[in-house]
Amino acid sequence: MFFGGSTEALGKGLALNKTSAQNKIFAVDTFCCSESGGLYDIVFERATLVNATQFLEKNGSAVDWYKYVQNNLKHFENIELLQQDSKSYEHDGSPVAILHLDLPKFYSEMHVILMKIVGFLKPGAFIVFQDFFYHWSAEIIAFIYFLIKNEKVAFQYAQDPTLAVKNINLSRKDIEDFKLVLQSYEKTRDLLFESIEFLNIHIQPRQKEDLYMAIVQYSTQHKDFASSKKAIELVGFPDASDHVVKVHQELAEYNFNLRQSYLNNFIDLPFEKSEKIAR
């Protein structure tokens, strides 16, 4: 959820739906990150921007922003906030019409989350992947295109930075199958290039830039400099947009591998609450 902007939008949408009284939004996040990770400063920047620093709680080496989200969403009776790691979430068995994922950047986390929820997705359910168009999302981009290519989900729309698909017949087996694909760097890289060909007519130049830069990140990390060079040339570097130049600088700053910084967000968290938090 992070700060709950998308959840608020979902809440407003549900309030306009004639079946709203029979439906519920389960919103899951730790609402907490370690100061050793990259999210820590972003949390304080965001809270300062919306004059909400009074809702932040320092707890040892971590910061907790649950109270901000709780206060911001308190008028939505159909939203249940669950303060826990989404990997430990256990669904209550009700059918799911919309699954919104504020995207994990690595398939290992996505795999755990989807395996828990996929059996409850309704036929035709929308799955919304936020941060699909993002230069650190290579594994997830390849995975989602793998599902589209194999007709497990159907493309619906692309709205930067989000991609939405519709469930056709997605199963746990499909999620497991991609684990095997991911073991082959070459197969994963090829899916990344194919995804751009498939999405080309549906996306804007900025979105295409992010997909190419995801290839640059992934191929450089795997020391496939030929593929990295190809993606760089296709995106027009060095005579590229300011956005591409900025992205390339960020990738280089992290040596084209965000994994450790990503994991650092979740080190030494002061708690793990799996129960529903009462408003």
C-alpha atoms as a PDB file:
ATOM      1  CA  MET A   1       0.000   0.000   0.000  1.00  0.00           C
ATOM      2  CA  PHE A   2       2.771   2.421   0.976  1.00  0.00           C
ATOM      3  CA  PHE A   3       0.889   5.670   1.811  1.00  0.00           C
ATOM      4  CA  GLY A   4      -2.503   4.420   0.598  1.00  0.00           C
ATOM      5  CA  GLY A   5      -3.202   6.636  -2.423  1.00  0.00           C
ATOM      6  CA  SER A   6      -4.283   3.756  -4.649  1.00  0.00           C
ATOM      7  CA  THR A   7      -6.287   2.234  -1.801  1.00  0.00           C
ATOM      8  CA  GLU A   8      -8.148   5.512  -1.356  1.00  0.00           C
ATOM      9  CA  ALA A   9      -8.976   5.491  -5.080  1.00  0.00           C
ATOM     10  CA  LEU A  10     -10.237   1.907  -4.805  1.00  0.00           C
ATOM     11  CA  GLY A  11     -12.320   2.899  -1.782  1.00  0.00           C
ATOM     12  CA  LYS A  12     -13.936   5.776  -3.650  1.00  0.00           C
ATOM     13  CA  GLY A  13     -14.648   3.505  -6.600  1.00  0.00           C
ATOM     14  CA  LEU A  14     -16.212   0.840  -4.413  1.00  0.00           C
ATOM     15  CA  ALA A  15     -18.406   3.448  -2.713  1.00  0.00           C
ATOM     16  CA  LEU A  16     -19.959   4.220  -6.114  1.00  0.00           C
ATOM     17  CA  ASN A  17     -20.645   0.551  -6.858  1.00  0.00           C
ATOM     18  CA  LYS A  18     -24.171  -0.704  -6.183  1.00  0.00           C
ATOM     19  CA  THR A  19     -22.725  -3.855  -4.591  1.00  0.00           C
ATOM     20  CA  SER A  20     -20.429  -1.908  -2.246  1.00  0.00           C
ATOM     21  CA  ALA A  21     -22.182  -3.107   0.908  1.00  0.00           C
ATOM     22  CA  GLN A  22     -21.376  -6.735   0.024  1.00  0.00           C
ATOM     23  CA  ASN A  23     -17.727  -6.121  -0.857  1.00  0.00           C
ATOM     24  CA  LYS A  24     -14.565  -5.321   1.004  1.00  0.00           C
ATOM     25  CA  ILE A  25     -11.033  -4.099   0.340  1.00  0.00           C
ATOM     26  CA  PHE A  26      -8.226  -5.860   2.209  1.00  0.00           C
ATOM     27  CA  ALA A  27      -5.229  -3.524   2.273  1.00  0.00           C
ATOM     28  CA  VAL A  28      -1.914  -5.063   3.330  1.00  0.00           C
ATOM     29  CA  ASP A  29       1.436  -3.483   4.225  1.00  0.00           C
ATOM     30  CA  THR A  30       3.971  -3.525   7.047  1.00  0.00           C
ATOM     31  CA  PHE A  31       3.771   0.298   7.049  1.00  0.00           C
ATOM     32  CA  CYS A  32       7.288   0.067   8.374  1.00  0.00           C
ATOM     33  CA  CYS A  33      10.815   0.141   6.954  1.00  0.00           C
ATOM     34  CA  SER A  34      14.380   0.098   8.220  1.00  0.00           C
ATOM     35  CA  GLU A  35      16.610   3.146   8.085  1.00  0.00           C
ATOM     36  CA  SER A  36      19.208   1.006   6.286  1.00  0.00           C
ATOM     37  CA  GLY A  37      17.016   0.752   3.174  1.00  0.00           C
ATOM     38  CA  GLY A  38      16.105   3.141   0.406  1.00  0.00           C
ATOM     39  CA  LEU A  39      12.494   3.713   1.532  1.00  0.00           C
ATOM     40  CA  TYR A  40      13.330   5.398   4.823  1.00  0.00           C
ATOM     41  CA  ASP A  41      14.127   8.862   3.438  1.00  0.00           C
ATOM     42  CA  ILE A  42      11.246   8.608   0.954  1.00  0.00           C
ATOM     43  CA  VAL A  43       8.788   8.050   3.813  1.00  0.00           C
ATOM     44  CA  PHE A  44       9.899  11.255   5.544  1.00  0.00           C
ATOM     45  CA  GLU A  45       9.877  13.186   2.269  1.00  0.00           C
ATOM     46  CA  ARG A  46       6.334  12.009   1.499  1.00  0.00           C
ATOM     47  CA  ALA A  47       5.073  12.738   5.000  1.00  0.00           C
ATOM     48  CA  THR A  48       6.602  16.222   4.901  1.00  0.00           C
ATOM     49  CA  LEU A  49       4.992  16.873   1.523  1.00  0.00           C
ATOM     50  CA  VAL A  50       1.493  16.151   2.892  1.00  0.00           C
ATOM     51  CA  ASN A  51       2.121  17.718   6.341  1.00  0.00           C
ATOM     52  CA  ALA A  52       1.806  14.343   8.069  1.00  0.00           C
ATOM     53  CA  THR A  53       5.077  13.914   9.962  1.00  0.00           C
ATOM     54  CA  GLN A  54       3.110  13.860  13.234  1.00  0.00           C
ATOM     55  CA  PHE A  55       1.742  10.454  12.201  1.00  0.00           C
ATOM     56  CA  LEU A  56       5.198   8.886  11.822  1.00  0.00           C
ATOM     57  CA  GLU A  57       6.537   6.746  14.658  1.00  0.00           C
ATOM     58  CA  LYS A  58      10.223   6.011  15.136  1.00  0.00           C
ATOM     59  CA  ASN A  59      10.821   2.585  16.624  1.00  0.00           C
ATOM     60  CA  GLY A  60      14.466   1.716  17.028  1.00  0.00           C
ATOM     61  CA  SER A  61      16.037   1.661  13.579  1.00  0.00           C
ATOM     62  CA  ALA A  62      12.683   1.751  11.788  1.00  0.00           C
ATOM     63  CA  VAL A  63       9.882   4.153  10.982  1.00  0.00           C
ATOM     64  CA  ASP A  64       6.181   3.247  11.063  1.00  0.00           C
ATOM     65  CA  TRP A  65       3.563   5.217   9.105  1.00  0.00           C
ATOM     66  CA  TYR A  66       0.486   3.089   9.856  1.00  0.00           C
ATOM     67  CA  LYS A  67      -1.253   5.886  11.794  1.00  0.00           C
ATOM     68  CA  TYR A  68      -1.084   8.182   8.769  1.00  0.00           C
ATOM     69  CA  VAL A  69      -2.809   5.632   6.512  1.00  0.00           C
ATOM     70  CA  GLN A  70      -5.304   4.760   9.244  1.00  0.00           C
ATOM     71  CA  ASN A  71      -6.249   8.424   9.660  1.00  0.00           C
ATOM     72  CA  ASN A  72      -6.395   9.068   5.922  1.00  0.00           C
ATOM     73  CA  LEU A  73      -8.723   6.114   5.253  1.00  0.00           C
ATOM     74  CA  LYS A  74     -10.849   6.249   8.408  1.00  0.00           C
ATOM     75  CA  HIS A  75     -13.996   7.279   6.508  1.00  0.00           C
ATOM     76  CA  PHE A  76     -14.019   4.127   4.359  1.00  0.00           C
ATOM     77  CA  GLU A  77     -16.033   1.457   6.156  1.00  0.00           C
ATOM     78  CA  ASN A  78     -15.229  -1.191   3.525  1.00  0.00           C
ATOM     79  CA  ILE A  79     -11.437  -1.012   3.877  1.00  0.00           C
ATOM     80  CA  GLU A  80      -9.652  -3.313   6.313  1.00  0.00           C
ATOM     81  CA  LEU A  81      -6.053  -2.384   7.039  1.00  0.00           C
ATOM     82  CA  LEU A  82      -3.778  -5.319   7.753  1.00  0.00           C
ATOM     83  CA  GLN A  83      -0.384  -4.384   9.146  1.00  0.00           C
ATOM     84  CA  GLN A  84       1.762  -7.325   8.113  1.00  0.00           C
ATOM     85  CA  ASP A  85       4.165  -8.496   5.437  1.00  0.00           C
ATOM     86  CA  SER A  86       2.059  -9.374   2.388  1.00  0.00           C
ATOM     87  CA  LYS A  87       4.027 -12.624   2.072  1.00  0.00           C
ATOM     88  CA  SER A  88       2.385 -13.805   5.298  1.00  0.00           C
ATOM     89  CA  TYR A  89      -1.141 -12.738   4.303  1.00  0.00           C
ATOM     90  CA  GLU A  90      -3.782 -15.486   4.439  1.00  0.00           C
ATOM     91  CA  HIS A  91      -6.956 -14.721   2.491  1.00  0.00           C
ATOM     92  CA  ASP A  92     -10.338 -15.360   4.082  1.00  0.00           C
ATOM     93  CA  GLY A  93     -11.607 -17.444   1.152  1.00  0.00           C
ATOM     94  CA  SER A  94     -13.886 -14.855  -0.444  1.00  0.00           C
ATOM     95  CA  PRO A  95     -13.682 -14.414  -4.254  1.00  0.00           C
ATOM     96  CA  VAL A  96     -11.359 -11.648  -5.445  1.00  0.00           C
ATOM     97  CA  ALA A  97     -12.533  -9.317  -8.217  1.00  0.00           C
ATOM     98  CA  ILE A  98      -9.549  -6.920  -8.219  1.00  0.00           C
ATOM     99  CA  LEU A  99      -5.997  -7.653  -7.117  1.00  0.00           C
ATOM    100  CA  HIS A 100      -3.834  -4.535  -6.949  1.00  0.00           C
ATOM    101  CA  LEU A 101      -0.126  -5.157  -6.406  1.00  0.00           C
ATOM    102  CA  ASP A 102       2.142  -2.235  -5.595  1.00  0.00           C
ATOM    103  CA  LEU A 103       4.842  -4.197  -7.166  1.00  0.00           C
ATOM    104  CA  PRO A 104       7.532  -6.266  -5.533  1.00  0.00           C
ATOM    105  CA  LYS A 105      10.632  -5.836  -7.675  1.00  0.00           C
ATOM    106  CA  PHE A 106      11.686  -9.493  -7.560  1.00  0.00           C
ATOM    107  CA  TYR A 107       9.857 -12.656  -8.512  1.00  0.00           C
ATOM    108  CA  SER A 108      10.656 -14.480  -5.264  1.00  0.00           C
ATOM    109  CA  GLU A 109       8.341 -12.115  -3.366  1.00  0.00           C
ATOM    110  CA  MET A 110       5.726 -12.004  -6.129  1.00  0.00           C
ATOM    111  CA  HIS A 111       5.658 -15.804  -6.237  1.00  0.00           C
ATOM    112  CA  VAL A 112       4.794 -16.099  -2.528  1.00  0.00           C
ATOM    113  CA  ILE A 113       2.061 -13.453  -2.699  1.00  0.00           C
ATOM    114  CA  LEU A 114       0.372 -14.813  -5.832  1.00  0.00           C
ATOM    115  CA  MET A 115       0.491 -18.428  -4.679  1.00  0.00           C
ATOM    116  CA  LYS A 116      -1.573 -17.388  -1.652  1.00  0.00           C
ATOM    117  CA  ILE A 117      -4.225 -15.477  -3.599  1.00  0.00           C
ATOM    118  CA  VAL A 118      -4.477 -16.945  -7.121  1.00  0.00           C
ATOM    119  CA  GLY A 119      -6.921 -19.680  -6.109  1.00  0.00           C
ATOM    120  CA  PHE A 120      -9.437 -17.029  -5.057  1.00  0.00           C
ATOM    121  CA  LEU A 121      -9.320 -14.905  -8.235  1.00  0.00           C
ATOM    122  CA  LYS A 122     -12.649 -14.769 -10.027  1.00  0.00           C
ATOM    123  CA  PRO A 123     -12.718 -15.538 -13.774  1.00  0.00           C
ATOM    124  CA  GLY A 124     -12.295 -12.165 -15.435  1.00  0.00           C
ATOM    125  CA  ALA A 125     -10.810 -10.580 -12.311  1.00  0.00           C
ATOM    126  CA  PHE A 126      -8.554  -7.594 -12.879  1.00  0.00           C
ATOM    127  CA  ILE A 127      -4.932  -7.843 -11.757  1.00  0.00           C
ATOM    128  CA  VAL A 128      -3.253  -4.453 -11.581  1.00  0.00           C
ATOM    129  CA  PHE A 129       0.559  -4.335 -11.458  1.00  0.00           C
ATOM    130  CA  GLN A 130       1.776  -0.971 -10.228  1.00  0.00           C
ATOM    131  CA  ASP A 131       5.382  -0.094 -11.135  1.00  0.00           C
ATOM    132  CA  PHE A 132       5.362  -2.507 -14.061  1.00  0.00           C
ATOM    133  CA  PHE A 133       6.978   0.264 -16.127  1.00  0.00           C
ATOM    134  CA  TYR A 134      10.000   0.624 -13.911  1.00  0.00           C
ATOM    135  CA  HIS A 135      13.677   0.033 -14.543  1.00  0.00           C
ATOM    136  CA  TRP A 136      14.065  -2.262 -11.527  1.00  0.00           C
ATOM    137  CA  SER A 137      11.107  -4.535 -12.427  1.00  0.00           C
ATOM    138  CA  ALA A 138      12.774  -6.819 -15.014  1.00  0.00           C
ATOM    139  CA  GLU A 139      11.839 -10.152 -13.420  1.00  0.00           C
ATOM    140  CA  ILE A 140       8.232  -9.040 -12.974  1.00  0.00           C
ATOM    141  CA  ILE A 141       7.971  -7.647 -16.508  1.00  0.00           C
ATOM    142  CA  ALA A 142       9.164 -10.970 -17.908  1.00  0.00           C
ATOM    143  CA  PHE A 143       6.766 -12.889 -15.669  1.00  0.00           C
ATOM    144  CA  ILE A 144       3.680 -10.885 -16.604  1.00  0.00           C
ATOM    145  CA  TYR A 145       4.477 -11.067 -20.300  1.00  0.00           C
ATOM    146  CA  PHE A 146       5.022 -14.826 -19.888  1.00  0.00           C
ATOM    147  CA  LEU A 147       1.435 -15.061 -18.584  1.00  0.00           C
ATOM    148  CA  ILE A 148       0.090 -12.908 -21.429  1.00  0.00           C
ATOM    149  CA  LYS A 149       2.014 -14.886 -24.048  1.00  0.00           C
ATOM    150  CA  ASN A 150       0.651 -18.171 -22.700  1.00  0.00           C
ATOM    151  CA  GLU A 151      -2.907 -16.782 -22.546  1.00  0.00           C
ATOM    152  CA  LYS A 152      -3.232 -17.121 -18.792  1.00  0.00           C
ATOM    153  CA  VAL A 153      -4.131 -13.439 -18.506  1.00  0.00           C
ATOM    154  CA  ALA A 154      -5.222 -10.895 -21.110  1.00  0.00           C
ATOM    155  CA  PHE A 155      -3.765  -7.412 -21.511  1.00  0.00           C
ATOM    156  CA  GLN A 156      -6.238  -4.661 -20.620  1.00  0.00           C
ATOM    157  CA  TYR A 157      -4.447  -1.319 -20.448  1.00  0.00           C
ATOM    158  CA  ALA A 158      -1.169   0.435 -19.723  1.00  0.00           C
ATOM    159  CA  GLN A 159      -1.191   3.642 -17.693  1.00  0.00           C
ATOM    160  CA  ASP A 160       2.228   4.766 -16.548  1.00  0.00           C
ATOM    161  CA  PRO A 161       3.512   3.186 -14.354  1.00  0.00           C
ATOM    162  CA  THR A 162       0.764   0.558 -14.241  1.00  0.00           C
ATOM    163  CA  LEU A 163      -0.183  -2.458 -16.355  1.00  0.00           C
ATOM    164  CA  ALA A 164      -3.570  -4.149 -15.929  1.00  0.00           C
ATOM    165  CA  VAL A 165      -4.559  -7.618 -17.100  1.00  0.00           C
ATOM    166  CA  LYS A 166      -7.664  -9.765 -16.828  1.00  0.00           C
ATOM    167  CA  ASN A 167      -7.598 -13.269 -15.389  1.00  0.00           C
ATOM    168  CA  ILE A 168      -8.371 -15.980 -17.955  1.00  0.00           C
ATOM    169  CA  ASN A 169      -7.264 -19.202 -16.296  1.00  0.00           C
ATOM    170  CA  LEU A 170      -4.279 -18.312 -14.131  1.00  0.00           C
ATOM    171  CA  SER A 171      -3.282 -21.135 -11.796  1.00  0.00           C
ATOM    172  CA  ARG A 172      -0.618 -22.013  -9.255  1.00  0.00           C
ATOM    173  CA  LYS A 173       1.031 -24.198 -11.903  1.00  0.00           C
ATOM    174  CA  ASP A 174       1.589 -21.176 -14.159  1.00  0.00           C
ATOM    175  CA  ILE A 175       3.252 -19.334 -11.310  1.00  0.00           C
ATOM    176  CA  GLU A 176       5.478 -22.328 -10.602  1.00  0.00           C
ATOM    177  CA  ASP A 177       6.297 -22.737 -14.304  1.00  0.00           C
ATOM    178  CA  PHE A 178       7.863 -19.300 -14.445  1.00  0.00           C
ATOM    179  CA  LYS A 179      10.283 -20.299 -11.688  1.00  0.00           C
ATOM    180  CA  LEU A 180      11.783 -22.705 -14.231  1.00  0.00           C
ATOM    181  CA  VAL A 181      11.929 -19.996 -16.897  1.00  0.00           C
ATOM    182  CA  LEU A 182      13.691 -17.639 -14.511  1.00  0.00           C
ATOM    183  CA  GLN A 183      16.475 -20.195 -14.050  1.00  0.00           C
ATOM    184  CA  SER A 184      17.487 -19.431 -17.641  1.00  0.00           C
ATOM    185  CA  TYR A 185      18.841 -15.910 -18.043  1.00  0.00           C
ATOM    186  CA  GLU A 186      18.535 -16.150 -21.855  1.00  0.00           C
ATOM    187  CA  LYS A 187      14.832 -17.133 -21.754  1.00  0.00           C
ATOM    188  CA  THR A 188      14.069 -14.334 -19.316  1.00  0.00           C
ATOM    189  CA  ARG A 189      15.986 -11.766 -21.374  1.00  0.00           C
ATOM    190  CA  ASP A 190      14.164 -12.849 -24.544  1.00  0.00           C
ATOM    191  CA  LEU A 191      10.812 -12.394 -22.812  1.00  0.00           C
ATOM    192  CA  LEU A 192      11.831  -8.845 -21.900  1.00  0.00           C
ATOM    193  CA  PHE A 193      12.582  -7.949 -25.522  1.00  0.00           C
ATOM    194  CA  GLU A 194       9.372  -9.679 -26.708  1.00  0.00           C
ATOM    195  CA  SER A 195       7.306  -7.768 -24.145  1.00  0.00           C
ATOM    196  CA  ILE A 196       8.286  -4.478 -25.798  1.00  0.00           C
ATOM    197  CA  GLU A 197       7.319  -5.783 -29.234  1.00  0.00           C
ATOM    198  CA  PHE A 198       3.936  -6.897 -27.866  1.00  0.00           C
ATOM    199  CA  LEU A 199       3.214  -3.697 -25.935  1.00  0.00           C
ATOM    200  CA  ASN A 200       4.601  -1.321 -28.546  1.00  0.00           C
ATOM    201  CA  ILE A 201       1.241  -0.174 -29.928  1.00  0.00           C
ATOM    202  CA  HIS A 202      -0.240   0.230 -26.429  1.00  0.00           C
ATOM    203  CA  ILE A 203       2.383   2.306 -24.668  1.00  0.00           C
ATOM    204  CA  GLN A 204       3.888   5.769 -24.647  1.00  0.00           C
ATOM    205  CA  PRO A 205       7.585   6.587 -25.315  1.00  0.00           C
ATOM    206  CA  ARG A 206       8.312   7.065 -21.588  1.00  0.00           C
ATOM    207  CA  GLN A 207       6.926   3.611 -20.810  1.00  0.00           C
ATOM    208  CA  LYS A 208       8.991   2.061 -23.599  1.00  0.00           C
ATOM    209  CA  GLU A 209      12.085   3.758 -22.215  1.00  0.00           C
ATOM    210  CA  ASP A 210      11.509   2.170 -18.828  1.00  0.00           C
ATOM    211  CA  LEU A 211      11.129  -1.283 -20.385  1.00  0.00           C
ATOM    212  CA  TYR A 212      14.365  -0.911 -22.328  1.00  0.00           C
ATOM    213  CA  MET A 213      16.161   0.353 -19.247  1.00  0.00           C
ATOM    214  CA  ALA A 214      14.898  -2.689 -17.328  1.00  0.00           C
ATOM    215  CA  ILE A 215      16.688  -4.779 -19.971  1.00  0.00           C
ATOM    216  CA  VAL A 216      19.818  -2.679 -19.488  1.00  0.00           C
ATOM    217  CA  GLN A 217      19.658  -3.341 -15.750  1.00  0.00           C
ATOM    218  CA  TYR A 218      18.999  -7.072 -16.052  1.00  0.00           C
ATOM    219  CA  SER A 219      21.508  -7.809 -18.809  1.00  0.00           C
ATOM    220  CA  THR A 220      24.266  -5.746 -17.198  1.00  0.00           C
ATOM    221  CA  GLN A 221      23.677  -7.489 -13.877  1.00  0.00           C
ATOM    222  CA  HIS A 222      24.154 -10.807 -15.698  1.00  0.00           C
ATOM    223  CA  LYS A 223      27.215  -9.492 -17.561  1.00  0.00           C
ATOM    224  CA  ASP A 224      25.488  -9.792 -20.941  1.00  0.00           C
ATOM    225  CA  PHE A 225      26.920  -6.548 -22.234  1.00  0.00           C
ATOM    226  CA  ALA A 226      25.868  -7.225 -25.836  1.00  0.00           C
ATOM    227  CA  SER A 227      22.172  -7.208 -24.882  1.00  0.00           C
ATOM    228  CA  SER A 228      22.701  -4.197 -22.654  1.00  0.00           C
ATOM    229  CA  LYS A 229      24.331  -2.332 -25.543  1.00  0.00           C
ATOM    230  CA  LYS A 230      21.466  -3.321 -27.856  1.00  0.00           C
ATOM    231  CA  ALA A 231      18.854  -1.975 -25.430  1.00  0.00           C
ATOM    232  CA  ILE A 232      20.875   1.194 -24.898  1.00  0.00           C
ATOM    233  CA  GLU A 233      21.031   1.779 -28.659  1.00  0.00           C
ATOM    234  CA  LEU A 234      17.309   1.101 -29.108  1.00  0.00           C
ATOM    235  CA  VAL A 235      16.450   3.670 -26.447  1.00  0.00           C
ATOM    236  CA  GLY A 236      18.702   6.219 -28.165  1.00  0.00           C
ATOM    237  CA  PHE A 237      21.426   6.603 -25.555  1.00  0.00           C
ATOM    238  CA  PRO A 238      23.516   8.781 -25.242  1.00  0.00           C
ATOM    239  CA  ASP A 239      21.303  11.181 -27.203  1.00  0.00           C
ATOM    240  CA  ALA A 240      18.295  10.061 -25.185  1.00  0.00           C
ATOM    241  CA  SER A 241      15.733  11.876 -23.066  1.00  0.00           C
ATOM    242  CA  ASP A 242      16.618  13.361 -19.711  1.00  0.00           C
ATOM    243  CA  HIS A 243      14.571  10.561 -18.133  1.00  0.00           C
ATOM    244  CA  VAL A 244      16.768   7.858 -19.665  1.00  0.00           C
ATOM    245  CA  VAL A 245      19.950   9.640 -18.608  1.00  0.00           C
ATOM    246  CA  LYS A 246      18.649   9.944 -15.039  1.00  0.00           C
ATOM    247  CA  VAL A 247      17.636   6.279 -14.963  1.00  0.00           C
ATOM    248  CA  HIS A 248      21.024   5.173 -16.262  1.00  0.00           C
ATOM    249  CA  GLN A 249      22.748   7.213 -13.550  1.00  0.00           C
ATOM    250  CA  GLU A 250      20.603   5.553 -10.887  1.00  0.00           C
ATOM    251  CA  LEU A 251      21.304   2.067 -12.244  1.00  0.00           C
ATOM    252  CA  ALA A 252      25.030   2.751 -12.241  1.00  0.00           C
ATOM    253  CA  GLU A 253      24.849   4.132  -8.687  1.00  0.00           C
ATOM    254  CA  TYR A 254      23.567   0.736  -7.494  1.00  0.00           C
ATOM    255  CA  ASN A 255      25.933  -1.187  -9.795  1.00  0.00           C
ATOM    256  CA  PHE A 256      22.857  -2.341 -11.754  1.00  0.00           C
ATOM    257  CA  ASN A 257      21.627  -4.487  -8.865  1.00  0.00           C
ATOM    258  CA  LEU A 258      19.101  -3.199  -6.313  1.00  0.00           C
ATOM    259  CA  ARG A 259      18.691  -6.482  -4.445  1.00  0.00           C
ATOM    260  CA  GLN A 260      20.617  -5.673  -1.289  1.00  0.00           C
ATOM    261  CA  SER A 261      19.169  -2.183  -0.935  1.00  0.00           C
ATOM    262  CA  TYR A 262      15.700  -3.665  -1.469  1.00  0.00           C
ATOM    263  CA  LEU A 263      16.255  -6.264   1.255  1.00  0.00           C
ATOM    264  CA  ASN A 264      17.681  -3.667   3.628  1.00  0.00           C
ATOM    265  CA  ASN A 265      14.232  -2.085   3.906  1.00  0.00           C
ATOM    266  CA  PHE A 266      13.055  -5.162   5.793  1.00  0.00           C
ATOM    267  CA  ILE A 267      16.030  -5.771   8.097  1.00  0.00           C
ATOM    268  CA  ASP A 268      15.535  -5.396  11.862  1.00  0.00           C
ATOM    269  CA  LEU A 269      11.867  -4.434  11.688  1.00  0.00           C
ATOM    270  CA  PRO A 270      10.603  -4.121  15.257  1.00  0.00           C
ATOM    271  CA  PHE A 271       7.452  -6.202  14.818  1.00  0.00           C
ATOM    272  CA  GLU A 272       5.420  -8.517  12.607  1.00  0.00           C
ATOM    273  CA  LYS A 273       1.692  -8.160  13.193  1.00  0.00           C
ATOM    274  CA  SER A 274      -0.601 -10.508  11.330  1.00  0.00           C
ATOM    275  CA  GLU A 275      -3.848  -9.607  13.070  1.00  0.00           C
ATOM    276  CA  LYS A 276      -6.343  -7.090  11.731  1.00  0.00           C
ATOM    277  CA  ILE A 277      -5.705  -3.630  13.139  1.00  0.00           C
ATOM    278  CA  ALA A 278      -8.886  -2.096  14.550  1.00  0.00           C
ATOM    279  CA  ARG A 279      -9.701   1.428  13.451  1.00  0.00           C
END
